Amino acid sequence: MKTAPVLAVDGPGGAGKGTICRAVAARLDWHLLDSGALYRLVAAAAARAGVALDDEAGLAGLARDLPVRFEGEQVWLGDEEVSEEIRSEACGDRASQVAALPGVRTALVGLQREFRRAPGLVADGRDMGTVIFPDAELKVFLTASAEERARRRYKQLKEKGFDVNLPALSAEVAARDRRDAERAVAPLRPAVDAVVVDSTALDIEAVIERVLQELKRRGLAPDA
């Protein structure tokens, strides 16, 4: 039985899912699930526990008992605040490797579904509409060109003071896209009933408004 409506937003890294999902969740006062953070947290927990990234059983064990807590934009691993650490490119690359393992994905299914609570949930990820919440009231597949996604990430990291190289970042984006699309379990693809939004030439507010309009059409958002 459904406990709350779900907006499932899937798409490749750098398409703007996190920004859009946080904004929509805040406007509707809904809960937020950043599923990508869960895989990054597994990667971070593995580094702390000395578990190799190809140890599927060991990583699945970490995922089942993941002591995760979200507080606004802060992410906690047990009693340690790890928001900045898990947003690094290195952690993102490790998380992409971890997410390709079927045992890890299976171990995190239950945890992700527990985030579905009233008044509603905005779920940000790669397989929210295809695997985790196939009955979501609205499914959005948010994408952008690989070049634009690399450019956005480059700008974001430079503004935070990181020394990054755009060609190298572009190569990492392409490699991550391949891993996400080719993994055996829950490959990245739009759900058959998803609304596809290409954000390459759109600003943030335009994308937010498009998503809100789709929610309004389904009676899930106020007309204010």
N, C-alpha and C. Protein backbone atom coordinates (compact mmCIF):
# COMPACT_ATOMS: atom_id res chain seq x y z
N MET A 1 0.84 -1.20 0.00
CA MET A 1 0.00 0.00 0.00
C MET A 1 0.87 1.25 0.00
N LYS A 2 0.52 2.23 -0.82
CA LYS A 2 1.29 3.46 -0.88
C LYS A 2 1.13 4.23 0.42
N THR A 3 2.21 4.83 0.86
CA THR A 3 2.16 5.64 2.06
C THR A 3 2.28 7.12 1.76
N ALA A 4 2.79 7.48 0.61
CA ALA A 4 2.98 8.88 0.24
C ALA A 4 3.31 8.96 -1.24
N PRO A 5 2.97 10.10 -1.88
CA PRO A 5 3.32 10.26 -3.30
C PRO A 5 4.84 10.41 -3.47
N VAL A 6 5.33 10.00 -4.64
CA VAL A 6 6.75 10.08 -4.94
C VAL A 6 6.97 10.76 -6.28
N LEU A 7 7.93 11.70 -6.29
CA LEU A 7 8.49 12.25 -7.52
C LEU A 7 9.85 11.60 -7.68
N ALA A 8 10.01 10.77 -8.70
CA ALA A 8 11.28 10.08 -8.96
C ALA A 8 12.02 10.81 -10.07
N VAL A 9 13.23 11.27 -9.75
CA VAL A 9 14.03 12.01 -10.73
C VAL A 9 15.32 11.24 -10.99
N ASP A 10 15.46 10.72 -12.19
CA ASP A 10 16.65 9.97 -12.57
C ASP A 10 17.42 10.72 -13.65
N GLY A 11 18.65 10.29 -13.89
CA GLY A 11 19.45 10.89 -14.93
C GLY A 11 20.92 10.78 -14.62
N PRO A 12 21.76 11.11 -15.58
CA PRO A 12 23.21 10.99 -15.40
C PRO A 12 23.74 12.08 -14.46
N GLY A 13 24.95 11.84 -13.96
CA GLY A 13 25.60 12.81 -13.09
C GLY A 13 25.84 14.13 -13.80
N GLY A 14 25.59 15.24 -13.09
CA GLY A 14 25.85 16.55 -13.67
C GLY A 14 24.69 17.15 -14.41
N ALA A 15 23.55 16.44 -14.44
CA ALA A 15 22.38 16.97 -15.15
C ALA A 15 21.63 18.00 -14.32
N GLY A 16 21.96 18.10 -13.03
CA GLY A 16 21.32 19.06 -12.15
C GLY A 16 20.27 18.46 -11.24
N LYS A 17 20.25 17.13 -11.13
CA LYS A 17 19.22 16.46 -10.33
C LYS A 17 19.21 16.95 -8.88
N GLY A 18 20.39 17.02 -8.26
CA GLY A 18 20.46 17.39 -6.85
C GLY A 18 19.87 18.77 -6.59
N THR A 19 20.27 19.73 -7.40
CA THR A 19 19.78 21.11 -7.24
C THR A 19 18.27 21.17 -7.44
N ILE A 20 17.79 20.53 -8.49
CA ILE A 20 16.36 20.55 -8.81
C ILE A 20 15.57 19.84 -7.71
N CYS A 21 16.03 18.68 -7.27
CA CYS A 21 15.30 17.91 -6.26
C CYS A 21 15.24 18.64 -4.93
N ARG A 22 16.35 19.25 -4.53
CA ARG A 22 16.34 20.01 -3.27
C ARG A 22 15.35 21.17 -3.34
N ALA A 23 15.34 21.86 -4.48
CA ALA A 23 14.44 23.01 -4.63
C ALA A 23 12.98 22.59 -4.62
N VAL A 24 12.64 21.53 -5.36
CA VAL A 24 11.26 21.07 -5.42
C VAL A 24 10.81 20.55 -4.06
N ALA A 25 11.67 19.78 -3.38
CA ALA A 25 11.32 19.26 -2.06
C ALA A 25 11.07 20.40 -1.08
N ALA A 26 11.89 21.45 -1.16
CA ALA A 26 11.72 22.59 -0.26
C ALA A 26 10.42 23.32 -0.54
N ARG A 27 10.07 23.50 -1.82
CA ARG A 27 8.85 24.23 -2.17
C ARG A 27 7.59 23.47 -1.77
N LEU A 28 7.66 22.14 -1.84
CA LEU A 28 6.49 21.32 -1.49
C LEU A 28 6.50 20.88 -0.04
N ASP A 29 7.65 21.11 0.65
CA ASP A 29 7.84 20.63 2.02
C ASP A 29 7.75 19.10 2.07
N TRP A 30 8.34 18.45 1.05
CA TRP A 30 8.41 17.00 0.99
C TRP A 30 9.77 16.53 1.48
N HIS A 31 9.84 15.24 1.78
CA HIS A 31 11.12 14.63 2.16
C HIS A 31 11.99 14.47 0.91
N LEU A 32 13.29 14.31 1.13
CA LEU A 32 14.25 14.18 0.03
C LEU A 32 15.11 12.93 0.22
N LEU A 33 15.25 12.17 -0.84
CA LEU A 33 16.19 11.04 -0.86
C LEU A 33 17.25 11.30 -1.91
N ASP A 34 18.48 11.44 -1.47
CA ASP A 34 19.63 11.56 -2.38
C ASP A 34 20.27 10.18 -2.44
N SER A 35 19.80 9.35 -3.38
CA SER A 35 20.29 7.97 -3.42
C SER A 35 21.76 7.90 -3.81
N GLY A 36 22.22 8.87 -4.62
CA GLY A 36 23.64 8.87 -4.99
C GLY A 36 24.52 9.01 -3.77
N ALA A 37 24.05 9.77 -2.77
CA ALA A 37 24.83 9.93 -1.54
C ALA A 37 24.99 8.60 -0.83
N LEU A 38 24.01 7.72 -0.95
CA LEU A 38 24.11 6.42 -0.28
C LEU A 38 25.27 5.61 -0.86
N TYR A 39 25.42 5.62 -2.18
CA TYR A 39 26.53 4.88 -2.79
C TYR A 39 27.87 5.54 -2.46
N ARG A 40 27.87 6.86 -2.39
CA ARG A 40 29.10 7.56 -1.98
C ARG A 40 29.44 7.23 -0.53
N LEU A 41 28.41 7.10 0.30
CA LEU A 41 28.64 6.75 1.70
C LEU A 41 29.18 5.33 1.83
N VAL A 42 28.69 4.41 1.00
CA VAL A 42 29.23 3.05 1.02
C VAL A 42 30.71 3.08 0.64
N ALA A 43 31.04 3.88 -0.38
CA ALA A 43 32.44 4.00 -0.79
C ALA A 43 33.29 4.59 0.33
N ALA A 44 32.76 5.61 1.02
CA ALA A 44 33.49 6.23 2.13
C ALA A 44 33.64 5.25 3.29
N ALA A 45 32.57 4.51 3.58
CA ALA A 45 32.63 3.53 4.66
C ALA A 45 33.63 2.42 4.34
N ALA A 46 33.70 2.05 3.05
CA ALA A 46 34.65 1.01 2.64
C ALA A 46 36.08 1.46 2.86
N ALA A 47 36.36 2.72 2.55
CA ALA A 47 37.71 3.26 2.76
C ALA A 47 38.09 3.21 4.23
N ARG A 48 37.13 3.54 5.10
CA ARG A 48 37.40 3.53 6.53
C ARG A 48 37.59 2.11 7.07
N ALA A 49 36.84 1.15 6.49
CA ALA A 49 36.89 -0.22 6.99
C ALA A 49 37.93 -1.07 6.26
N GLY A 50 38.58 -0.50 5.25
CA GLY A 50 39.58 -1.25 4.49
C GLY A 50 38.98 -2.32 3.61
N VAL A 51 37.75 -2.09 3.13
CA VAL A 51 37.08 -3.06 2.25
C VAL A 51 37.36 -2.68 0.80
N ALA A 52 37.85 -3.62 0.02
CA ALA A 52 38.20 -3.35 -1.38
C ALA A 52 36.95 -3.09 -2.21
N LEU A 53 37.11 -2.31 -3.27
CA LEU A 53 35.97 -1.95 -4.10
C LEU A 53 35.48 -3.10 -4.98
N ASP A 54 36.20 -4.20 -5.00
CA ASP A 54 35.72 -5.37 -5.74
C ASP A 54 35.24 -6.48 -4.79
N ASP A 55 35.18 -6.17 -3.49
CA ASP A 55 34.69 -7.13 -2.49
C ASP A 55 33.18 -6.94 -2.36
N GLU A 56 32.44 -7.57 -3.26
CA GLU A 56 30.99 -7.34 -3.31
C GLU A 56 30.28 -7.71 -2.01
N ALA A 57 30.64 -8.85 -1.43
CA ALA A 57 29.99 -9.28 -0.19
C ALA A 57 30.30 -8.32 0.95
N GLY A 58 31.55 -7.89 1.03
CA GLY A 58 31.94 -6.96 2.09
C GLY A 58 31.24 -5.62 1.95
N LEU A 59 31.14 -5.13 0.73
CA LEU A 59 30.48 -3.85 0.47
C LEU A 59 28.97 -3.95 0.74
N ALA A 60 28.37 -5.08 0.36
CA ALA A 60 26.94 -5.28 0.61
C ALA A 60 26.66 -5.29 2.11
N GLY A 61 27.57 -5.87 2.88
CA GLY A 61 27.43 -5.88 4.33
C GLY A 61 27.46 -4.47 4.90
N LEU A 62 28.37 -3.65 4.39
CA LEU A 62 28.43 -2.25 4.82
C LEU A 62 27.14 -1.52 4.46
N ALA A 63 26.62 -1.79 3.25
CA ALA A 63 25.42 -1.10 2.78
C ALA A 63 24.20 -1.44 3.63
N ARG A 64 24.09 -2.72 4.06
CA ARG A 64 22.93 -3.13 4.85
C ARG A 64 22.87 -2.42 6.19
N ASP A 65 24.04 -2.13 6.76
CA ASP A 65 24.09 -1.50 8.09
C ASP A 65 24.59 -0.06 8.03
N LEU A 66 24.33 0.61 6.93
CA LEU A 66 24.85 1.96 6.73
C LEU A 66 24.23 2.94 7.73
N PRO A 67 25.04 3.56 8.60
CA PRO A 67 24.51 4.50 9.60
C PRO A 67 24.38 5.90 9.01
N VAL A 68 23.43 6.07 8.09
CA VAL A 68 23.30 7.33 7.35
C VAL A 68 22.26 8.23 8.01
N ARG A 69 22.51 9.53 7.93
CA ARG A 69 21.56 10.52 8.42
C ARG A 69 21.67 11.78 7.57
N PHE A 70 20.54 12.27 7.07
CA PHE A 70 20.52 13.51 6.31
C PHE A 70 19.90 14.60 7.18
N GLU A 71 20.60 15.73 7.29
CA GLU A 71 20.09 16.88 8.03
C GLU A 71 20.25 18.12 7.15
N GLY A 72 19.17 18.48 6.43
CA GLY A 72 19.27 19.57 5.46
C GLY A 72 20.24 19.16 4.36
N GLU A 73 21.28 19.97 4.15
CA GLU A 73 22.29 19.64 3.15
C GLU A 73 23.47 18.88 3.75
N GLN A 74 23.40 18.60 5.04
CA GLN A 74 24.47 17.84 5.70
C GLN A 74 24.20 16.35 5.61
N VAL A 75 25.26 15.58 5.39
CA VAL A 75 25.18 14.12 5.33
C VAL A 75 26.10 13.57 6.42
N TRP A 76 25.55 12.65 7.21
CA TRP A 76 26.31 12.09 8.33
C TRP A 76 26.50 10.59 8.14
N LEU A 77 27.71 10.12 8.42
CA LEU A 77 28.04 8.70 8.44
C LEU A 77 28.34 8.37 9.89
N GLY A 78 27.36 7.80 10.57
CA GLY A 78 27.50 7.62 12.01
C GLY A 78 27.51 8.99 12.68
N ASP A 79 28.55 9.27 13.46
CA ASP A 79 28.64 10.57 14.13
C ASP A 79 29.61 11.51 13.41
N GLU A 80 29.92 11.20 12.15
CA GLU A 80 30.86 12.01 11.37
C GLU A 80 30.15 12.71 10.22
N GLU A 81 30.31 14.03 10.12
CA GLU A 81 29.71 14.81 9.04
C GLU A 81 30.64 14.73 7.82
N VAL A 82 30.11 14.16 6.72
CA VAL A 82 30.97 13.83 5.57
C VAL A 82 30.48 14.48 4.27
N SER A 83 29.70 15.56 4.38
CA SER A 83 29.09 16.17 3.18
C SER A 83 30.12 16.52 2.12
N GLU A 84 31.17 17.23 2.49
CA GLU A 84 32.18 17.65 1.53
C GLU A 84 32.97 16.46 1.00
N GLU A 85 33.32 15.54 1.88
CA GLU A 85 34.13 14.38 1.47
C GLU A 85 33.45 13.57 0.39
N ILE A 86 32.15 13.30 0.55
CA ILE A 86 31.48 12.42 -0.41
C ILE A 86 31.15 13.14 -1.72
N ARG A 87 31.30 14.47 -1.76
CA ARG A 87 31.04 15.20 -3.00
C ARG A 87 32.30 15.35 -3.86
N SER A 88 33.42 14.82 -3.41
CA SER A 88 34.64 14.91 -4.21
C SER A 88 34.54 14.03 -5.45
N GLU A 89 35.30 14.38 -6.48
CA GLU A 89 35.31 13.57 -7.70
C GLU A 89 35.83 12.17 -7.44
N ALA A 90 36.83 12.06 -6.56
CA ALA A 90 37.41 10.74 -6.25
C ALA A 90 36.36 9.84 -5.61
N CYS A 91 35.58 10.39 -4.67
CA CYS A 91 34.55 9.59 -4.03
C CYS A 91 33.45 9.24 -5.03
N GLY A 92 33.12 10.17 -5.92
CA GLY A 92 32.11 9.91 -6.94
C GLY A 92 32.53 8.79 -7.87
N ASP A 93 33.80 8.75 -8.22
CA ASP A 93 34.31 7.69 -9.09
C ASP A 93 34.24 6.33 -8.39
N ARG A 94 34.61 6.30 -7.09
CA ARG A 94 34.53 5.05 -6.33
C ARG A 94 33.08 4.62 -6.16
N ALA A 95 32.19 5.59 -5.95
CA ALA A 95 30.78 5.27 -5.79
C ALA A 95 30.20 4.66 -7.06
N SER A 96 30.63 5.15 -8.22
CA SER A 96 30.17 4.61 -9.49
C SER A 96 30.57 3.14 -9.62
N GLN A 97 31.78 2.80 -9.17
CA GLN A 97 32.23 1.40 -9.19
C GLN A 97 31.40 0.55 -8.23
N VAL A 98 31.14 1.10 -7.04
CA VAL A 98 30.35 0.39 -6.03
C VAL A 98 28.93 0.15 -6.53
N ALA A 99 28.35 1.17 -7.18
CA ALA A 99 26.96 1.09 -7.64
C ALA A 99 26.76 0.06 -8.74
N ALA A 100 27.83 -0.36 -9.39
CA ALA A 100 27.73 -1.36 -10.46
C ALA A 100 27.59 -2.78 -9.91
N LEU A 101 27.75 -2.95 -8.59
CA LEU A 101 27.71 -4.28 -7.98
C LEU A 101 26.29 -4.65 -7.57
N PRO A 102 25.73 -5.74 -8.11
CA PRO A 102 24.34 -6.13 -7.80
C PRO A 102 24.08 -6.31 -6.31
N GLY A 103 25.04 -6.87 -5.59
CA GLY A 103 24.83 -7.10 -4.16
C GLY A 103 24.64 -5.82 -3.37
N VAL A 104 25.38 -4.80 -3.76
CA VAL A 104 25.26 -3.51 -3.08
C VAL A 104 23.91 -2.87 -3.39
N ARG A 105 23.51 -2.89 -4.65
CA ARG A 105 22.23 -2.29 -5.05
C ARG A 105 21.08 -2.97 -4.32
N THR A 106 21.13 -4.30 -4.24
CA THR A 106 20.07 -5.04 -3.55
C THR A 106 20.03 -4.69 -2.07
N ALA A 107 21.21 -4.56 -1.47
CA ALA A 107 21.29 -4.25 -0.04
C ALA A 107 20.70 -2.89 0.29
N LEU A 108 20.71 -1.96 -0.65
CA LEU A 108 20.24 -0.60 -0.39
C LEU A 108 18.76 -0.37 -0.75
N VAL A 109 18.12 -1.35 -1.36
CA VAL A 109 16.73 -1.16 -1.80
C VAL A 109 15.81 -0.83 -0.62
N GLY A 110 15.87 -1.65 0.41
CA GLY A 110 14.99 -1.44 1.56
C GLY A 110 15.22 -0.10 2.23
N LEU A 111 16.47 0.27 2.40
CA LEU A 111 16.81 1.55 3.04
C LEU A 111 16.21 2.71 2.25
N GLN A 112 16.33 2.65 0.91
CA GLN A 112 15.81 3.74 0.09
C GLN A 112 14.29 3.84 0.18
N ARG A 113 13.61 2.71 0.20
CA ARG A 113 12.14 2.73 0.26
C ARG A 113 11.62 3.24 1.60
N GLU A 114 12.43 3.16 2.64
CA GLU A 114 12.03 3.67 3.95
C GLU A 114 11.90 5.20 3.96
N PHE A 115 12.47 5.88 2.96
CA PHE A 115 12.38 7.33 2.90
C PHE A 115 11.00 7.80 2.45
N ARG A 116 10.16 6.89 1.97
CA ARG A 116 8.82 7.26 1.48
C ARG A 116 7.89 7.51 2.67
N ARG A 117 7.72 8.78 2.97
CA ARG A 117 6.88 9.17 4.10
C ARG A 117 6.04 10.39 3.72
N ALA A 118 4.88 10.51 4.40
CA ALA A 118 4.01 11.67 4.17
C ALA A 118 4.75 12.95 4.60
N PRO A 119 4.50 14.06 3.92
CA PRO A 119 3.48 14.27 2.87
C PRO A 119 3.89 13.82 1.48
N GLY A 120 5.18 13.52 1.25
CA GLY A 120 5.63 13.08 -0.06
C GLY A 120 7.14 12.98 -0.09
N LEU A 121 7.66 12.39 -1.15
CA LEU A 121 9.10 12.18 -1.29
C LEU A 121 9.57 12.59 -2.67
N VAL A 122 10.67 13.33 -2.71
CA VAL A 122 11.39 13.59 -3.95
C VAL A 122 12.62 12.70 -3.93
N ALA A 123 12.69 11.75 -4.86
CA ALA A 123 13.77 10.77 -4.89
C ALA A 123 14.70 11.03 -6.07
N ASP A 124 15.96 11.28 -5.76
CA ASP A 124 16.99 11.67 -6.73
C ASP A 124 17.94 10.50 -6.94
N GLY A 125 18.09 10.06 -8.20
CA GLY A 125 19.01 8.94 -8.41
C GLY A 125 19.18 8.51 -9.85
N ARG A 126 19.47 7.23 -10.01
CA ARG A 126 19.67 6.65 -11.34
C ARG A 126 18.59 5.62 -11.66
N ASP A 127 17.99 5.01 -10.62
CA ASP A 127 16.99 3.95 -10.85
C ASP A 127 15.77 4.14 -9.97
N MET A 128 15.47 5.40 -9.61
CA MET A 128 14.33 5.66 -8.74
C MET A 128 13.01 5.27 -9.39
N GLY A 129 12.84 5.64 -10.65
CA GLY A 129 11.59 5.35 -11.34
C GLY A 129 11.52 3.97 -11.96
N THR A 130 12.66 3.34 -12.18
CA THR A 130 12.67 2.03 -12.83
C THR A 130 12.70 0.87 -11.84
N VAL A 131 13.33 1.07 -10.67
CA VAL A 131 13.51 -0.04 -9.72
C VAL A 131 12.96 0.27 -8.33
N ILE A 132 13.38 1.39 -7.74
CA ILE A 132 13.04 1.64 -6.34
C ILE A 132 11.59 2.04 -6.16
N PHE A 133 11.10 2.95 -6.99
CA PHE A 133 9.71 3.41 -6.89
C PHE A 133 9.03 3.32 -8.26
N PRO A 134 8.82 2.09 -8.76
CA PRO A 134 8.21 1.94 -10.09
C PRO A 134 6.77 2.46 -10.14
N ASP A 135 6.14 2.67 -8.96
CA ASP A 135 4.77 3.18 -8.91
C ASP A 135 4.74 4.67 -8.60
N ALA A 136 5.87 5.37 -8.75
CA ALA A 136 5.92 6.81 -8.47
C ALA A 136 4.87 7.56 -9.28
N GLU A 137 4.26 8.55 -8.64
CA GLU A 137 3.22 9.33 -9.31
C GLU A 137 3.77 10.15 -10.47
N LEU A 138 5.02 10.59 -10.38
CA LEU A 138 5.66 11.29 -11.49
C LEU A 138 7.11 10.83 -11.59
N LYS A 139 7.51 10.47 -12.80
CA LYS A 139 8.89 10.09 -13.07
C LYS A 139 9.48 11.07 -14.08
N VAL A 140 10.62 11.63 -13.71
CA VAL A 140 11.31 12.58 -14.58
C VAL A 140 12.69 12.03 -14.87
N PHE A 141 13.09 12.07 -16.13
CA PHE A 141 14.46 11.72 -16.51
C PHE A 141 15.13 13.00 -16.94
N LEU A 142 16.04 13.50 -16.08
CA LEU A 142 16.71 14.77 -16.33
C LEU A 142 18.08 14.52 -16.92
N THR A 143 18.33 15.09 -18.09
CA THR A 143 19.60 14.86 -18.75
C THR A 143 20.17 16.16 -19.28
N ALA A 144 21.37 16.09 -19.81
CA ALA A 144 22.06 17.21 -20.46
C ALA A 144 23.22 16.59 -21.23
N SER A 145 23.77 17.32 -22.19
CA SER A 145 24.89 16.77 -22.96
C SER A 145 26.07 16.51 -22.03
N ALA A 146 26.91 15.54 -22.40
CA ALA A 146 28.08 15.22 -21.58
C ALA A 146 29.01 16.42 -21.46
N GLU A 147 29.13 17.18 -22.55
CA GLU A 147 30.01 18.36 -22.53
C GLU A 147 29.50 19.41 -21.53
N GLU A 148 28.20 19.64 -21.54
CA GLU A 148 27.62 20.62 -20.63
C GLU A 148 27.72 20.15 -19.18
N ARG A 149 27.54 18.85 -18.94
CA ARG A 149 27.64 18.33 -17.58
C ARG A 149 29.06 18.45 -17.04
N ALA A 150 30.03 18.19 -17.89
CA ALA A 150 31.44 18.34 -17.48
C ALA A 150 31.76 19.81 -17.20
N ARG A 151 31.23 20.70 -18.04
CA ARG A 151 31.47 22.13 -17.85
C ARG A 151 30.88 22.62 -16.53
N ARG A 152 29.67 22.17 -16.23
CA ARG A 152 29.02 22.57 -14.97
C ARG A 152 29.82 22.08 -13.77
N ARG A 153 30.26 20.84 -13.83
CA ARG A 153 31.03 20.29 -12.71
C ARG A 153 32.36 21.01 -12.56
N TYR A 154 32.99 21.33 -13.67
CA TYR A 154 34.26 22.07 -13.65
C TYR A 154 34.07 23.42 -12.95
N LYS A 155 33.03 24.13 -13.34
CA LYS A 155 32.75 25.44 -12.75
C LYS A 155 32.48 25.32 -11.25
N GLN A 156 31.71 24.31 -10.88
CA GLN A 156 31.36 24.09 -9.47
C GLN A 156 32.61 23.81 -8.64
N LEU A 157 33.49 22.97 -9.14
CA LEU A 157 34.69 22.60 -8.40
C LEU A 157 35.68 23.77 -8.33
N LYS A 158 35.79 24.51 -9.41
CA LYS A 158 36.68 25.68 -9.41
C LYS A 158 36.22 26.70 -8.38
N GLU A 159 34.90 26.89 -8.28
CA GLU A 159 34.36 27.85 -7.33
C GLU A 159 34.63 27.41 -5.89
N LYS A 160 34.80 26.12 -5.69
CA LYS A 160 35.10 25.60 -4.34
C LYS A 160 36.60 25.56 -4.06
N GLY A 161 37.40 26.00 -5.06
CA GLY A 161 38.83 26.07 -4.86
C GLY A 161 39.61 24.83 -5.25
N PHE A 162 38.96 23.87 -5.92
CA PHE A 162 39.65 22.65 -6.33
C PHE A 162 40.44 22.90 -7.62
N ASP A 163 41.58 22.24 -7.74
CA ASP A 163 42.40 22.31 -8.95
C ASP A 163 41.94 21.20 -9.88
N VAL A 164 41.17 21.54 -10.90
CA VAL A 164 40.59 20.53 -11.80
C VAL A 164 40.94 20.85 -13.24
N ASN A 165 40.89 19.81 -14.06
CA ASN A 165 41.23 19.90 -15.47
C ASN A 165 40.01 19.50 -16.28
N LEU A 166 39.52 20.39 -17.16
CA LEU A 166 38.28 20.12 -17.89
C LEU A 166 38.36 18.89 -18.78
N PRO A 167 39.42 18.68 -19.58
CA PRO A 167 39.48 17.46 -20.39
C PRO A 167 39.45 16.19 -19.54
N ALA A 168 40.16 16.20 -18.41
CA ALA A 168 40.16 15.03 -17.53
C ALA A 168 38.78 14.80 -16.94
N LEU A 169 38.12 15.89 -16.57
CA LEU A 169 36.78 15.80 -16.00
C LEU A 169 35.80 15.27 -17.04
N SER A 170 35.95 15.70 -18.28
CA SER A 170 35.09 15.22 -19.37
C SER A 170 35.26 13.72 -19.57
N ALA A 171 36.50 13.25 -19.48
CA ALA A 171 36.77 11.82 -19.62
C ALA A 171 36.14 11.03 -18.48
N GLU A 172 36.19 11.58 -17.26
CA GLU A 172 35.58 10.92 -16.11
C GLU A 172 34.06 10.84 -16.26
N VAL A 173 33.46 11.91 -16.75
CA VAL A 173 32.01 11.93 -16.98
C VAL A 173 31.61 10.86 -17.98
N ALA A 174 32.37 10.75 -19.07
CA ALA A 174 32.08 9.75 -20.10
C ALA A 174 32.24 8.33 -19.55
N ALA A 175 33.28 8.10 -18.75
CA ALA A 175 33.52 6.77 -18.18
C ALA A 175 32.40 6.40 -17.20
N ARG A 176 31.97 7.38 -16.40
CA ARG A 176 30.90 7.13 -15.43
C ARG A 176 29.59 6.84 -16.16
N ASP A 177 29.33 7.56 -17.25
CA ASP A 177 28.13 7.31 -18.05
C ASP A 177 28.12 5.89 -18.58
N ARG A 178 29.28 5.44 -19.07
CA ARG A 178 29.36 4.07 -19.60
C ARG A 178 29.08 3.04 -18.51
N ARG A 179 29.69 3.23 -17.34
CA ARG A 179 29.47 2.28 -16.24
C ARG A 179 28.00 2.24 -15.85
N ASP A 180 27.38 3.43 -15.76
CA ASP A 180 25.98 3.48 -15.35
C ASP A 180 25.06 2.83 -16.38
N ALA A 181 25.36 3.02 -17.66
CA ALA A 181 24.50 2.50 -18.71
C ALA A 181 24.70 1.00 -18.96
N GLU A 182 25.90 0.50 -18.67
CA GLU A 182 26.24 -0.88 -19.03
C GLU A 182 26.20 -1.85 -17.86
N ARG A 183 25.94 -1.36 -16.63
CA ARG A 183 25.94 -2.29 -15.50
C ARG A 183 24.82 -3.32 -15.66
N ALA A 184 25.03 -4.51 -15.09
CA ALA A 184 24.10 -5.61 -15.28
C ALA A 184 22.77 -5.39 -14.58
N VAL A 185 22.81 -4.74 -13.42
CA VAL A 185 21.59 -4.51 -12.64
C VAL A 185 21.22 -3.04 -12.66
N ALA A 186 19.95 -2.75 -12.94
CA ALA A 186 19.42 -1.39 -12.94
C ALA A 186 20.26 -0.41 -13.75
N PRO A 187 20.52 -0.71 -15.03
CA PRO A 187 21.27 0.26 -15.85
C PRO A 187 20.53 1.58 -15.96
N LEU A 188 21.28 2.66 -16.14
CA LEU A 188 20.68 3.98 -16.25
C LEU A 188 19.90 4.09 -17.56
N ARG A 189 18.60 4.33 -17.43
CA ARG A 189 17.74 4.53 -18.60
C ARG A 189 16.44 5.16 -18.10
N PRO A 190 15.73 5.88 -18.97
CA PRO A 190 14.45 6.45 -18.55
C PRO A 190 13.41 5.35 -18.34
N ALA A 191 12.54 5.52 -17.35
CA ALA A 191 11.39 4.64 -17.23
C ALA A 191 10.51 4.86 -18.45
N VAL A 192 9.76 3.85 -18.84
CA VAL A 192 8.94 3.96 -20.05
C VAL A 192 7.91 5.08 -19.95
N ASP A 193 7.49 5.41 -18.72
CA ASP A 193 6.49 6.46 -18.54
C ASP A 193 7.09 7.75 -17.97
N ALA A 194 8.41 7.92 -18.12
CA ALA A 194 9.07 9.11 -17.59
C ALA A 194 8.91 10.30 -18.52
N VAL A 195 8.90 11.49 -17.93
CA VAL A 195 8.95 12.74 -18.68
C VAL A 195 10.43 13.09 -18.82
N VAL A 196 10.92 13.14 -20.06
CA VAL A 196 12.34 13.43 -20.30
C VAL A 196 12.53 14.94 -20.42
N VAL A 197 13.44 15.48 -19.60
CA VAL A 197 13.74 16.91 -19.62
C VAL A 197 15.23 17.09 -19.91
N ASP A 198 15.55 17.75 -21.01
CA ASP A 198 16.95 18.04 -21.37
C ASP A 198 17.28 19.44 -20.85
N SER A 199 18.19 19.51 -19.88
CA SER A 199 18.51 20.78 -19.24
C SER A 199 19.71 21.49 -19.86
N THR A 200 20.22 20.97 -20.98
CA THR A 200 21.43 21.54 -21.58
C THR A 200 21.31 23.05 -21.78
N ALA A 201 20.18 23.50 -22.32
CA ALA A 201 20.02 24.92 -22.63
C ALA A 201 19.05 25.62 -21.68
N LEU A 202 18.73 24.97 -20.55
CA LEU A 202 17.77 25.55 -19.61
C LEU A 202 18.46 25.99 -18.33
N ASP A 203 17.96 27.08 -17.73
CA ASP A 203 18.50 27.44 -16.43
C ASP A 203 17.75 26.68 -15.34
N ILE A 204 18.24 26.77 -14.11
CA ILE A 204 17.69 25.99 -13.00
C ILE A 204 16.20 26.28 -12.80
N GLU A 205 15.84 27.57 -12.79
CA GLU A 205 14.45 27.93 -12.51
C GLU A 205 13.50 27.38 -13.57
N ALA A 206 13.95 27.33 -14.82
CA ALA A 206 13.10 26.79 -15.89
C ALA A 206 12.84 25.30 -15.68
N VAL A 207 13.85 24.58 -15.25
CA VAL A 207 13.67 23.14 -15.00
C VAL A 207 12.76 22.92 -13.80
N ILE A 208 12.96 23.70 -12.74
CA ILE A 208 12.10 23.57 -11.55
C ILE A 208 10.65 23.82 -11.93
N GLU A 209 10.41 24.86 -12.72
CA GLU A 209 9.05 25.18 -13.12
C GLU A 209 8.44 24.08 -13.97
N ARG A 210 9.25 23.47 -14.85
CA ARG A 210 8.75 22.36 -15.68
C ARG A 210 8.31 21.19 -14.80
N VAL A 211 9.12 20.86 -13.80
CA VAL A 211 8.78 19.75 -12.89
C VAL A 211 7.54 20.08 -12.08
N LEU A 212 7.45 21.30 -11.57
CA LEU A 212 6.28 21.70 -10.77
C LEU A 212 5.01 21.66 -11.61
N GLN A 213 5.11 22.08 -12.87
CA GLN A 213 3.95 22.04 -13.76
C GLN A 213 3.47 20.61 -13.96
N GLU A 214 4.41 19.67 -14.11
CA GLU A 214 4.04 18.26 -14.26
C GLU A 214 3.36 17.74 -13.00
N LEU A 215 3.84 18.17 -11.83
CA LEU A 215 3.22 17.77 -10.56
C LEU A 215 1.83 18.36 -10.44
N LYS A 216 1.66 19.62 -10.86
CA LYS A 216 0.34 20.28 -10.80
C LYS A 216 -0.65 19.55 -11.68
N ARG A 217 -0.21 19.10 -12.86
CA ARG A 217 -1.10 18.38 -13.78
C ARG A 217 -1.65 17.12 -13.15
N ARG A 218 -0.88 16.57 -12.21
CA ARG A 218 -1.29 15.34 -11.52
C ARG A 218 -1.94 15.61 -10.17
N GLY A 219 -2.15 16.88 -9.87
CA GLY A 219 -2.80 17.23 -8.61
C GLY A 219 -1.92 17.05 -7.39
N LEU A 220 -0.58 17.08 -7.60
CA LEU A 220 0.35 16.83 -6.50
C LEU A 220 1.01 18.10 -5.98
N ALA A 221 0.77 19.22 -6.64
CA ALA A 221 1.37 20.48 -6.22
C ALA A 221 0.33 21.57 -6.32
N PRO A 222 0.40 22.57 -5.41
CA PRO A 222 -0.59 23.65 -5.45
C PRO A 222 -0.39 24.52 -6.69
N ASP A 223 -1.45 25.22 -7.09
CA ASP A 223 -1.38 26.09 -8.27
C ASP A 223 -0.86 27.48 -7.97
N ALA A 224 -0.41 27.70 -6.73
CA ALA A 224 0.07 29.03 -6.33
C ALA A 224 1.29 29.41 -7.13
